[in-house]
Protein backbone atom coordinates (compact mmCIF):
# COMPACT_ATOMS: atom_id res chain seq x y z
CA MET A 1 -0.21 0.18 0.10
CA PRO A 2 0.79 3.89 -0.45
CA ILE A 3 2.00 5.67 2.53
CA SER A 4 -0.41 8.56 4.33
CA ALA A 5 1.67 11.06 2.57
CA ALA A 6 1.03 14.60 4.23
CA PRO A 7 -0.69 16.77 1.10
CA SER A 8 0.12 20.65 0.92
CA CYS A 9 -3.43 21.34 2.07
CA LEU A 10 -4.01 24.82 0.26
CA ARG A 11 -6.56 26.84 2.19
CA LEU A 12 -8.43 28.93 -0.13
CA VAL A 13 -10.78 31.99 1.01
CA PRO A 14 -13.20 32.62 -1.70
CA ARG A 15 -14.32 35.45 -2.89
CA LEU A 16 -17.71 37.31 -1.33
CA ALA A 17 -20.45 37.51 -3.77
CA SER A 18 -22.27 39.88 -1.37
CA GLY A 19 -20.60 41.10 2.44
CA TRP A 20 -23.80 40.95 4.42
CA LEU A 21 -24.52 37.58 5.78
CA LEU A 22 -22.67 35.01 4.75
CA ALA A 23 -18.84 37.46 5.12
CA GLY A 24 -19.05 35.53 8.87
CA LEU A 25 -19.51 31.84 7.12
CA LEU A 26 -17.30 32.93 3.86
CA LEU A 27 -14.66 33.94 5.14
CA VAL A 28 -13.11 30.85 7.25
CA SER A 29 -10.61 29.95 4.70
CA LEU A 30 -11.98 25.87 3.53
CA ALA A 31 -9.47 23.42 4.24
CA ALA A 32 -9.48 21.89 0.57
CA GLY A 33 -6.53 21.91 -0.70
CA CYS A 34 -5.17 19.11 -3.46
CA ALA A 35 -6.34 15.11 -2.51
CA GLN A 36 -2.86 14.61 -3.12
CA LYS A 37 -1.58 11.40 -5.07
CA ARG A 38 0.56 9.03 -3.23
CA PRO A 39 3.89 7.40 -3.98
CA PRO A 40 2.76 5.14 -6.39
CA THR A 41 5.68 2.19 -4.42
CA PRO A 42 3.77 0.19 -3.10
CA VAL A 43 5.60 -0.92 0.23
CA ARG A 44 5.11 -4.68 -0.66
CA LEU A 45 6.48 -7.85 -0.93
CA ALA A 46 8.50 -9.21 -4.24
CA PRO A 47 5.76 -10.61 -7.79
CA GLU A 48 4.24 -13.86 -6.45
CA THR A 49 6.11 -16.83 -7.87
CA THR A 50 3.56 -18.83 -7.51
CA ALA A 51 -0.85 -19.20 -8.82
CA GLU A 52 -1.46 -21.08 -5.75
CA SER A 53 -3.82 -19.15 -3.38
CA PRO A 54 -2.58 -17.97 -0.08
CA GLU A 55 -5.31 -19.98 1.70
CA SER A 56 -3.85 -23.12 0.32
CA VAL A 57 0.00 -22.16 0.62
CA ILE A 58 -1.73 -22.10 4.56
CA MET A 59 -2.88 -24.93 4.95
CA ARG A 60 -0.12 -26.27 3.10
CA ALA A 61 1.91 -25.74 5.31
CA THR A 62 0.10 -25.33 8.93
CA PRO A 63 0.57 -28.77 9.40
CA ALA A 64 4.18 -29.15 8.86
CA ILE A 65 4.92 -25.86 11.46
CA ALA A 66 2.71 -27.05 13.74
CA ALA A 67 5.02 -30.72 13.69
CA GLY A 68 7.55 -29.05 14.18
CA GLN A 69 9.05 -30.26 11.20
CA ALA A 70 8.83 -26.67 9.31
CA THR A 71 11.82 -25.22 6.72
CA PRO A 72 12.85 -21.17 6.58
CA THR A 73 11.13 -21.87 2.86
CA VAL A 74 7.99 -23.21 4.67
CA TYR A 75 7.75 -20.51 7.07
CA GLN A 76 8.55 -17.77 3.77
CA GLU A 77 5.70 -18.69 2.66
CA ARG A 78 3.17 -18.77 4.66
CA GLY A 79 4.10 -15.13 5.63
CA GLU A 80 3.66 -14.10 1.90
CA ALA A 81 0.04 -15.68 2.26
CA TYR A 82 -0.68 -13.52 5.22
CA TYR A 83 0.60 -10.12 4.23
CA ARG A 84 -1.26 -11.56 0.53
CA MET A 85 -4.45 -11.17 2.98
CA GLY A 86 -3.33 -8.29 5.01
CA GLN A 87 -2.94 -10.41 8.04
CA PHE A 88 0.24 -8.84 8.50
CA GLU A 89 0.84 -9.20 12.19
CA LEU A 90 0.81 -12.89 12.21
CA ALA A 91 3.37 -12.40 8.27
CA GLN A 92 5.59 -10.49 10.29
CA LYS A 93 6.18 -14.16 12.77
CA ASP A 94 6.27 -15.72 9.92
CA PHE A 95 9.31 -13.39 9.02
CA GLU A 96 10.58 -14.20 11.50
CA GLN A 97 10.93 -17.33 12.00
CA ALA A 98 12.23 -17.59 8.45
CA GLN A 99 15.06 -15.17 9.66
CA SER A 100 15.79 -16.47 12.70
CA ALA A 101 16.72 -20.12 10.60
CA GLY A 102 19.64 -17.58 8.71
CA GLY A 103 16.46 -15.71 6.58
CA GLY A 104 18.53 -13.19 3.70
CA ALA A 105 17.80 -10.03 2.35
CA GLN A 106 14.41 -10.84 0.81
CA THR A 107 13.42 -11.74 4.37
CA ALA A 108 14.22 -8.67 6.40
CA TYR A 109 12.59 -6.72 3.11
CA ASP A 110 9.56 -8.63 4.05
CA LEU A 111 9.42 -8.23 7.59
CA GLY A 112 9.93 -4.94 7.19
CA ALA A 113 6.87 -4.37 4.20
CA ALA A 114 4.82 -6.10 6.73
CA ALA A 115 5.61 -4.05 9.93
CA TYR A 116 5.07 -0.91 7.91
CA MET A 117 1.95 -1.91 7.02
CA ASN A 118 1.19 -2.71 11.16
CA GLN A 119 2.43 0.91 11.12
CA ASP A 120 5.48 0.27 13.41
CA TYR A 121 7.79 2.57 11.33
CA GLN A 122 11.05 2.77 12.89
CA LYS A 123 10.99 -0.78 12.79
CA ALA A 124 10.48 -0.96 9.29
CA ILE A 125 13.00 0.84 8.91
CA ASN A 126 15.12 -0.94 11.02
CA TYR A 127 14.78 -3.81 8.92
CA PHE A 128 15.10 -2.20 5.15
CA SER A 129 18.63 -1.15 6.72
CA ASP A 130 19.07 -4.88 7.02
CA ALA A 131 18.02 -6.20 3.73
CA ILE A 132 20.35 -2.88 2.48
CA ALA A 133 23.40 -3.91 4.40
CA LYS A 134 22.70 -7.89 2.43
CA ASP A 135 22.62 -6.66 -0.44
CA ALA A 136 22.80 -3.01 -1.37
CA THR A 137 22.10 -3.49 -4.38
CA MET A 138 18.14 -4.42 -3.25
CA ALA A 139 16.72 -0.62 -5.32
CA LYS A 140 13.43 -1.45 -3.48
CA ALA A 141 15.04 -1.05 0.32
CA TYR A 142 15.76 1.95 -0.59
CA ASN A 143 12.60 3.47 -1.78
CA ASN A 144 11.37 1.66 1.00
CA ARG A 145 12.93 3.12 4.26
CA GLY A 146 12.47 6.08 2.20
CA VAL A 147 8.48 5.75 2.59
CA ALA A 148 8.85 4.82 5.88
CA ALA A 149 11.16 7.74 6.73
CA PHE A 150 8.60 9.81 5.27
CA ALA A 151 5.89 8.56 7.30
CA LEU A 152 8.09 9.40 10.63
CA GLY A 153 7.99 13.29 9.71
CA GLN A 154 11.96 12.85 8.48
CA TYR A 155 12.03 14.07 4.58
CA ASP A 156 15.77 14.88 4.43
CA LYS A 157 15.88 10.81 5.46
CA ALA A 158 13.64 10.02 2.94
CA GLY A 159 15.23 11.62 0.24
CA ALA A 160 18.03 10.37 -0.02
CA ASP A 161 16.78 7.38 0.33
CA PHE A 162 14.91 7.69 -2.57
CA SER A 163 18.02 8.84 -4.47
CA ALA A 164 19.68 6.39 -3.33
CA ALA A 165 17.49 3.98 -5.00
CA ALA A 166 16.48 5.93 -8.23
CA GLY A 167 20.59 5.83 -9.41
CA LEU A 168 19.98 1.82 -9.23
CA GLY A 169 17.32 2.18 -11.75
CA GLY A 170 15.45 -0.12 -12.35
CA GLN A 171 11.58 -0.88 -13.35
CA SER A 172 11.23 1.40 -9.85
CA ALA A 173 13.32 4.13 -11.10
CA ALA A 174 10.50 6.32 -12.20
CA ALA A 175 8.61 5.67 -9.05
CA SER A 176 11.21 6.30 -6.22
CA LEU A 177 11.98 9.71 -8.51
CA PHE A 178 8.01 10.58 -7.42
CA ASN A 179 8.35 9.92 -4.10
CA ARG A 180 11.33 11.69 -4.34
CA ALA A 181 9.37 14.55 -5.18
CA LEU A 182 7.36 14.71 -2.93
CA ALA A 183 9.73 14.81 0.13
CA TYR A 184 11.12 18.55 -1.92
CA GLN A 185 7.27 19.44 -2.04
CA ALA A 186 6.68 18.75 1.72
CA GLN A 187 10.02 20.48 2.78
CA ASN A 188 8.53 22.88 0.46
CA GLU A 189 11.76 23.01 -1.90
CA PHE A 190 9.70 23.71 -5.02
CA ASP A 191 11.36 24.19 -7.51
CA ARG A 192 13.26 20.64 -6.78
CA ALA A 193 9.78 18.95 -6.29
CA LEU A 194 8.77 20.38 -10.25
CA ALA A 195 11.94 19.18 -11.71
CA ASP A 196 11.27 15.75 -10.60
CA TYR A 197 8.08 15.22 -11.15
CA ASP A 198 8.91 16.72 -14.76
CA ARG A 199 11.33 13.49 -15.27
CA VAL A 200 8.75 10.93 -14.27
CA ILE A 201 6.31 12.77 -17.16
CA GLY A 202 9.34 12.58 -19.49
CA LEU A 203 9.77 8.81 -18.70
CA ASP A 204 5.84 8.05 -18.53
CA PRO A 205 3.75 10.79 -19.92
CA SER A 206 0.36 9.35 -18.77
CA GLN A 207 1.64 9.95 -14.99
CA THR A 208 -1.30 12.29 -14.29
CA ALA A 209 -0.09 11.82 -10.51
CA ALA A 210 2.72 13.57 -11.09
CA ARG A 211 0.88 16.10 -13.63
CA ASN A 212 -1.49 16.34 -10.19
CA ASN A 213 0.96 17.43 -7.64
CA LYS A 214 2.65 20.22 -10.38
CA ALA A 215 -0.47 21.86 -10.43
CA ASP A 216 -0.89 20.85 -6.03
CA ILE A 217 2.71 23.21 -6.18
CA TYR A 218 1.45 26.63 -8.77
CA ILE A 219 -1.72 26.47 -6.29
CA THR A 220 0.79 26.31 -3.40
CA LEU A 221 2.36 29.36 -5.80
CA ARG A 222 -0.83 31.31 -6.62
CA ARG A 223 -0.10 30.05 -10.77
CA TYR A 224 -2.59 29.60 -10.97
CA ASP A 225 -3.01 29.58 -14.28
CA GLU A 226 -0.07 27.25 -14.51
CA ALA A 227 -2.08 24.71 -12.22
CA ALA A 228 -5.01 24.60 -14.49
CA VAL A 229 -2.64 24.29 -17.47
CA GLU A 230 -1.65 20.72 -15.58
CA LEU A 231 -4.72 19.57 -14.72
CA ASP A 232 -6.49 20.05 -18.09
CA THR A 233 -3.42 17.82 -19.21
CA ALA A 234 -4.05 15.08 -16.52
CA ILE A 235 -7.70 14.91 -16.71
CA ARG A 236 -7.33 14.12 -20.89
CA ARG A 237 -5.12 11.00 -20.06
CA ASN A 238 -7.42 9.85 -17.02
CA SER A 239 -11.27 11.67 -16.56
CA GLY A 240 -12.42 9.14 -14.38
CA ASP A 241 -10.01 10.49 -11.46
CA PRO A 242 -12.01 12.33 -9.33
CA ASP A 243 -9.32 13.89 -7.77
CA LEU A 244 -8.32 15.30 -10.13
CA TYR A 245 -11.99 17.37 -11.40
CA TYR A 246 -12.14 18.33 -7.53
CA ASN A 247 -8.43 19.89 -7.73
CA ARG A 248 -9.55 21.66 -10.78
CA ALA A 249 -12.72 23.18 -9.17
CA LEU A 250 -10.33 24.60 -6.34
CA VAL A 251 -8.33 26.17 -9.37
CA ARG A 252 -11.69 27.29 -10.81
CA GLU A 253 -12.94 29.04 -8.40
CA LYS A 254 -9.44 30.95 -7.43
CA LEU A 255 -9.62 32.67 -11.37
CA GLY A 256 -12.81 32.82 -11.08
CA ASN A 257 -14.70 31.38 -12.93
CA TYR A 258 -17.67 29.63 -11.26
CA PRO A 259 -20.13 27.41 -13.73
CA GLN A 260 -16.61 25.46 -14.04
CA ALA A 261 -15.95 25.27 -11.09
CA MET A 262 -19.36 23.63 -10.12
CA GLU A 263 -19.73 21.46 -13.03
CA ASP A 264 -15.72 20.26 -11.78
CA TYR A 265 -17.64 19.33 -8.34
CA ASP A 266 -19.96 17.53 -10.19
CA ARG A 267 -18.12 15.04 -11.50
CA ALA A 268 -15.60 14.81 -8.95
CA ALA A 269 -19.45 14.14 -7.34
CA LYS A 270 -20.52 11.85 -8.88
CA LEU A 271 -17.50 9.50 -9.79
CA ARG A 272 -17.08 9.19 -6.30
CA SER A 273 -20.62 9.59 -4.23
CA ASN A 274 -19.46 9.68 -0.60
CA PHE A 275 -16.59 12.83 -1.88
CA GLY A 276 -17.63 14.82 1.43
CA GLN A 277 -14.99 17.48 -0.03
CA ALA A 278 -16.40 17.86 -3.04
CA TYR A 279 -20.19 18.64 -1.57
CA ARG A 280 -19.09 20.89 1.49
CA ASN A 281 -17.12 23.29 -1.45
CA ARG A 282 -19.37 23.07 -3.71
CA GLY A 283 -22.45 24.07 -1.53
CA VAL A 284 -20.42 27.36 -0.41
CA LEU A 285 -20.00 28.11 -3.88
CA ARG A 286 -23.84 27.27 -3.91
CA LEU A 287 -23.86 29.24 -1.17
CA ARG A 288 -21.50 32.42 -2.19
CA LEU A 289 -24.04 32.40 -5.65
CA GLN A 290 -27.15 33.09 -3.62
CA MET A 291 -28.29 29.39 -4.30
CA THR A 292 -29.12 28.80 -0.97
CA ARG A 293 -31.56 25.93 -0.54
CA GLU A 294 -28.70 24.10 -2.49
CA GLY A 295 -26.02 24.95 -0.70
CA CYS A 296 -27.62 24.03 1.92
CA ALA A 297 -28.41 20.62 1.21
CA ASP A 298 -24.87 20.64 0.41
CA LEU A 299 -23.90 20.91 3.24
CA SER A 300 -26.14 18.30 5.01
CA LEU A 301 -24.92 15.90 2.73
CA ALA A 302 -21.03 16.47 3.36
CA CYS A 303 -21.84 16.49 6.80
CA GLN A 304 -23.39 13.41 6.24
CA PHE A 305 -19.86 12.30 4.97
CA GLY A 306 -18.21 13.85 8.30
CA TYR A 307 -18.03 17.33 6.78
CA CYS A 308 -20.13 19.03 9.09
CA GLY A 309 -18.12 22.48 10.90
CA HIS A 310 -19.67 24.88 7.35
CA LEU A 311 -23.16 23.37 7.65
CA GLU A 312 -22.70 24.51 11.60
CA LYS A 313 -22.12 27.94 10.40
CA ALA A 314 -24.08 28.39 8.24
CA LYS A 315 -27.46 27.85 10.51
CA ASN A 316 -25.55 30.43 13.19
CA PHE A 317 -25.96 32.40 10.17
CA GLY A 318 -29.07 31.65 9.58
CA LEU A 319 -28.43 30.80 6.00
CA CYS A 320 -29.24 26.85 6.50
CA GLN A 321 -32.14 25.00 8.70
C-alpha cells in the first residue's frame, strides 16, 4: 500500500458574492487542499511466483509448522500468504521465524514491509536497513526505507533513500523519483520537486499523479493558470479520477470561473458518491452564488460524510435550518 503522504493542503478563502450574512461563513477558509496523489510504489513483497491461492498455501504449510518440521522456506511462504491476505501481524511472525533460521535480504525486506503495514515505521526502517546491509543493490529496500522515513516526517532521510533507489535504476526508478519529489514538496523545495515531477512525466507521459502534484505546487505559489494547464492535461489522460476534477474546481474558483468550478465539483461527486469535501465546497460555492437551498442541501450531504463544520456555521448565520 502507498504511504499516507501529507499533502500541502492549501487553504482557499472564497470571494464574497455579497457582504452581508455570508461574510462570517465564507471568510472562514476552506480546508480544501489538493487531494494529493501518494507515492505509487507499494510497500509489498516481491512479485508472486506461484498461482497458488494464499489460503491454499496456508493450509499446506500449517501442518508442517505445527509438527515442528517446517523449513525456513515454509515459514517464508506462509508469511507471504498471510501478507497477501492483509494479515500483517501473522506475516511478520512467520518472517521472523524464517529470519531466525538464517534468512537473507529478501526476508529482512519482507519483515520491513510487514512492519510498515502494521504502522511500526521505525521497526520497518530497521528491517529495510538490514536488507540493505545484506544486499546494497536492493533498490526497493532503499525506496521503502524512504517511504517509512517519510511517514515519520523525516523528509531529508527519505529523500536520500529515494535518490539512492533512483540511482540504482530498474523498474521502480520513476516511482522513486516521484517519491523524492514528494519529499522535496513536503519541505517546500518546490523547484526541485517540480524538476523531479517533470522527470517522472518524461519517463511516463501518462503519469497523471505527477501532473496533479505539480498543480498542487502551482496553487500554493498562486500560479493558477499553470495549475489549470496541468490538471487539464491530467484529466484528458485520466477522465475517471474524481480528485483531478476536485482539484481543478479549486483552481477554477481561484480564477473566478464559478460555473466551470461547479461542473467539476459535479463530476467529482458523480465519480465518488461519498466525496464529502466536494459536496462541502460545492455547497459553499452555491451559498456564495445565493443558491441557498441547493447550498444547504450540499452542506447537509457533506455532513453525512463527516464534514459538518460549514453546515454548523451556516446554521449559526440563519442560512440553513
